[in-house]
C-alpha atoms as a PDB file:
ATOM      1  CA  MET A   1      -0.014  -0.005   0.008  1.00  0.00           C
ATOM      2  CA  PHE A   2       2.795   2.482   0.938  1.00  0.00           C
ATOM      3  CA  THR A   3       6.512   2.343   0.184  1.00  0.00           C
ATOM      4  CA  LEU A   4       9.450   4.444   1.358  1.00  0.00           C
ATOM      5  CA  SER A   5      12.591   4.522  -0.760  1.00  0.00           C
ATOM      6  CA  LYS A   6      16.059   4.168   0.781  1.00  0.00           C
ATOM      7  CA  PRO A   7      17.009   7.792  -0.100  1.00  0.00           C
ATOM      8  CA  ALA A   8      13.806   9.018   1.605  1.00  0.00           C
ATOM      9  CA  GLN A   9      14.577   6.836   4.656  1.00  0.00           C
ATOM     10  CA  ARG A  10      18.050   8.342   4.914  1.00  0.00           C
ATOM     11  CA  GLU A  11      16.618  11.852   4.736  1.00  0.00           C
ATOM     12  CA  LEU A  12      14.109  11.071   7.494  1.00  0.00           C
ATOM     13  CA  GLU A  13      16.888   9.545   9.603  1.00  0.00           C
ATOM     14  CA  ALA A  14      18.968  12.713   9.194  1.00  0.00           C
ATOM     15  CA  PHE A  15      16.009  14.963  10.050  1.00  0.00           C
ATOM     16  CA  PHE A  16      14.886  12.984  13.117  1.00  0.00           C
ATOM     17  CA  SER A  17      18.450  12.680  14.410  1.00  0.00           C
ATOM     18  CA  GLN A  18      18.172  16.369  15.295  1.00  0.00           C
ATOM     19  CA  ASN A  19      14.415  16.673  15.852  1.00  0.00           C
ATOM     20  CA  GLU A  20      11.840  14.993  18.036  1.00  0.00           C
ATOM     21  CA  ARG A  21      10.043  12.159  16.243  1.00  0.00           C
ATOM     22  CA  SER A  22       6.426  12.770  15.428  1.00  0.00           C
ATOM     23  CA  CYS A  23       3.820  11.510  12.993  1.00  0.00           C
ATOM     24  CA  ILE A  24       4.304  12.327   9.336  1.00  0.00           C
ATOM     25  CA  ARG A  25       1.090  13.372   7.584  1.00  0.00           C
ATOM     26  CA  ILE A  26       0.460  12.644   3.901  1.00  0.00           C
ATOM     27  CA  PHE A  27      -1.869  15.311   2.553  1.00  0.00           C
ATOM     28  CA  PRO A  28      -2.845  17.072  -0.692  1.00  0.00           C
ATOM     29  CA  GLY A  29      -0.564  20.090  -0.980  1.00  0.00           C
ATOM     30  CA  GLN A  30      -0.700  22.875  -3.498  1.00  0.00           C
ATOM     31  CA  GLY A  31      -0.180  22.006  -7.095  1.00  0.00           C
ATOM     32  CA  GLY A  32       0.168  23.894 -10.297  1.00  0.00           C
ATOM     33  CA  CYS A  33      -2.073  23.804 -13.345  1.00  0.00           C
ATOM     34  CA  ASN A  34      -2.400  20.066 -13.154  1.00  0.00           C
ATOM     35  CA  GLY A  35      -4.004  20.011  -9.710  1.00  0.00           C
ATOM     36  CA  SER A  36      -2.929  18.945  -6.230  1.00  0.00           C
ATOM     37  CA  LYS A  37       0.114  16.921  -5.383  1.00  0.00           C
ATOM     38  CA  LEU A  38       0.685  14.947  -2.235  1.00  0.00           C
ATOM     39  CA  SER A  39       2.944  16.468   0.423  1.00  0.00           C
ATOM     40  CA  LEU A  40       4.380  15.531   3.811  1.00  0.00           C
ATOM     41  CA  ALA A  41       4.247  17.456   7.110  1.00  0.00           C
ATOM     42  CA  LEU A  42       4.648  16.709  10.781  1.00  0.00           C
ATOM     43  CA  ASP A  43       1.277  16.453  12.539  1.00  0.00           C
ATOM     44  CA  THR A  44      -0.795  14.792  15.227  1.00  0.00           C
ATOM     45  CA  PRO A  45      -3.301  12.203  13.953  1.00  0.00           C
ATOM     46  CA  ASP A  46      -6.965  12.338  14.939  1.00  0.00           C
ATOM     47  CA  ASP A  47      -9.962   9.988  14.606  1.00  0.00           C
ATOM     48  CA  LYS A  48     -10.454  10.816  10.902  1.00  0.00           C
ATOM     49  CA  ASP A  49      -6.979   9.432  10.131  1.00  0.00           C
ATOM     50  CA  TYR A  50      -5.587   6.081   9.156  1.00  0.00           C
ATOM     51  CA  THR A  51      -2.238   5.636  10.954  1.00  0.00           C
ATOM     52  CA  PHE A  52       0.521   3.182  10.071  1.00  0.00           C
ATOM     53  CA  GLN A  53       4.207   2.521  10.493  1.00  0.00           C
ATOM     54  CA  LEU A  54       6.553   2.379   7.530  1.00  0.00           C
ATOM     55  CA  GLU A  55      10.268   1.479   7.971  1.00  0.00           C
ATOM     56  CA  GLY A  56      10.029   2.521  11.642  1.00  0.00           C
ATOM     57  CA  TYR A  57       8.297   5.886  11.040  1.00  0.00           C
ATOM     58  CA  ASP A  58       4.755   6.796  12.027  1.00  0.00           C
ATOM     59  CA  PHE A  59       2.537   8.126   9.211  1.00  0.00           C
ATOM     60  CA  CYS A  60      -1.042   9.328   9.057  1.00  0.00           C
ATOM     61  CA  ILE A  61      -3.461  10.109   6.258  1.00  0.00           C
ATOM     62  CA  GLU A  62      -7.121  11.073   6.228  1.00  0.00           C
ATOM     63  CA  LYS A  63      -9.231   7.972   5.650  1.00  0.00           C
ATOM     64  CA  ASP A  64     -11.175   9.695   2.873  1.00  0.00           C
ATOM     65  CA  LEU A  65      -7.961  10.571   1.028  1.00  0.00           C
ATOM     66  CA  LEU A  66      -6.688   6.993   1.447  1.00  0.00           C
ATOM     67  CA  ASP A  67      -9.912   5.698  -0.129  1.00  0.00           C
ATOM     68  CA  ILE A  68      -9.115   7.820  -3.182  1.00  0.00           C
ATOM     69  CA  ILE A  69      -5.383   7.192  -3.636  1.00  0.00           C
ATOM     70  CA  LYS A  70      -5.166   3.605  -2.324  1.00  0.00           C
ATOM     71  CA  GLY A  71      -1.555   4.143  -1.184  1.00  0.00           C
ATOM     72  CA  ALA A  72       1.589   5.921  -2.314  1.00  0.00           C
ATOM     73  CA  SER A  73       5.322   5.670  -2.860  1.00  0.00           C
ATOM     74  CA  ILE A  74       7.535   8.165  -1.038  1.00  0.00           C
ATOM     75  CA  ASP A  75      10.866   9.013  -2.632  1.00  0.00           C
ATOM     76  CA  LEU A  76      13.430  11.802  -2.577  1.00  0.00           C
ATOM     77  CA  SER A  77      14.629  14.064  -5.356  1.00  0.00           C
ATOM     78  CA  TYR A  78      16.917  17.091  -5.426  1.00  0.00           C
ATOM     79  CA  THR A  79      13.877  19.270  -4.689  1.00  0.00           C
ATOM     80  CA  GLY A  80      12.675  17.263  -1.681  1.00  0.00           C
ATOM     81  CA  PHE A  81      10.226  14.473  -1.022  1.00  0.00           C
ATOM     82  CA  ILE A  82       8.039  13.170  -3.839  1.00  0.00           C
ATOM     83  CA  VAL A  83       4.821  11.403  -2.881  1.00  0.00           C
ATOM     84  CA  GLU A  84       3.266   9.517  -5.811  1.00  0.00           C
ATOM     85  CA  PRO A  85      -0.233   8.099  -5.221  1.00  0.00           C
ATOM     86  CA  ILE A  86      -1.233   4.684  -6.566  1.00  0.00           C
ATOM     87  CA  GLU A  87      -4.481   6.242  -7.855  1.00  0.00           C
ATOM     88  CA  ASP A  88      -4.426   9.849  -9.064  1.00  0.00           C
ATOM     89  CA  LEU A  89      -5.975  12.655  -7.077  1.00  0.00           C
ATOM     90  CA  PRO A  90      -9.027  14.304  -8.659  1.00  0.00           C
ATOM     91  CA  GLN A  91      -7.888  17.259 -10.696  1.00  0.00           C
ATOM     92  CA  LYS A  92      -9.079  20.719  -9.763  1.00  0.00           C
ATOM     93  CA  LYS A  93      -9.738  23.307 -12.383  1.00  0.00           C
ATOM     94  CA  SER A  94      -6.875  25.772 -12.213  1.00  0.00           C
ATOM     95  CA  SER A  95      -7.491  29.434 -11.478  1.00  0.00           C
ATOM     96  CA  CYS A  96      -4.324  30.637 -13.226  1.00  0.00           C
ATOM     97  CA  SER A  97      -4.528  32.348 -16.585  1.00  0.00           C
ATOM     98  CA  SER A  98      -3.112  30.452 -19.516  1.00  0.00           C
ATOM     99  CA  SER A  99      -0.443  33.144 -20.075  1.00  0.00           C
ATOM    100  CA  GLY A 100       0.510  33.695 -16.460  1.00  0.00           C
ATOM    101  CA  CYS A 101       0.819  30.285 -14.886  1.00  0.00           C
ATOM    102  CA  GLN A 102       3.844  30.056 -12.591  1.00  0.00           C
ATOM    103  CA  SER A 103       4.012  26.276 -12.774  1.00  0.00           C
ATOM    104  CA  CYS A 104       3.890  25.688 -16.488  1.00  0.00           C
ATOM    105  CA  GLY A 105       4.545  29.123 -17.992  1.00  0.00           C
ATOM    106  CA  GLY A 106       1.199  28.997 -19.759  1.00  0.00           C
ATOM    107  CA  ASN A 107       2.460  26.362 -22.144  1.00  0.00           C
ATOM    108  CA  SER A 108       0.707  23.265 -20.860  1.00  0.00           C
ATOM    109  CA  CYS A 109      -2.316  24.570 -18.951  1.00  0.00           C
ATOM    110  CA  THR A 110      -5.481  22.645 -19.624  1.00  0.00           C
ATOM    111  CA  HIS A 111      -8.130  25.281 -18.873  1.00  0.00           C
END
């Protein structure tokens, strides 16, 4: 259902070697013209969340979101963590103008 790459594990190990361990939330963050992307943040789970351990780390995700994405792979790139869902998130219609989009430069917007 969820996977955590070795590079992502090493990054979490480095972070938590200097910070108190807490639950890592998977949530829909801001996206560009193509809709939301999944992001990570430290948080406290509540009763609306599904909680699980992955490679020794505690994670949480809203149950409704989990029903949509079915799981995800967590990896690391030069820009930070990448969270790829098994099933795509529903796409939101973008509010950016086709000529002024910061994410795609107006070249690939699908408005």
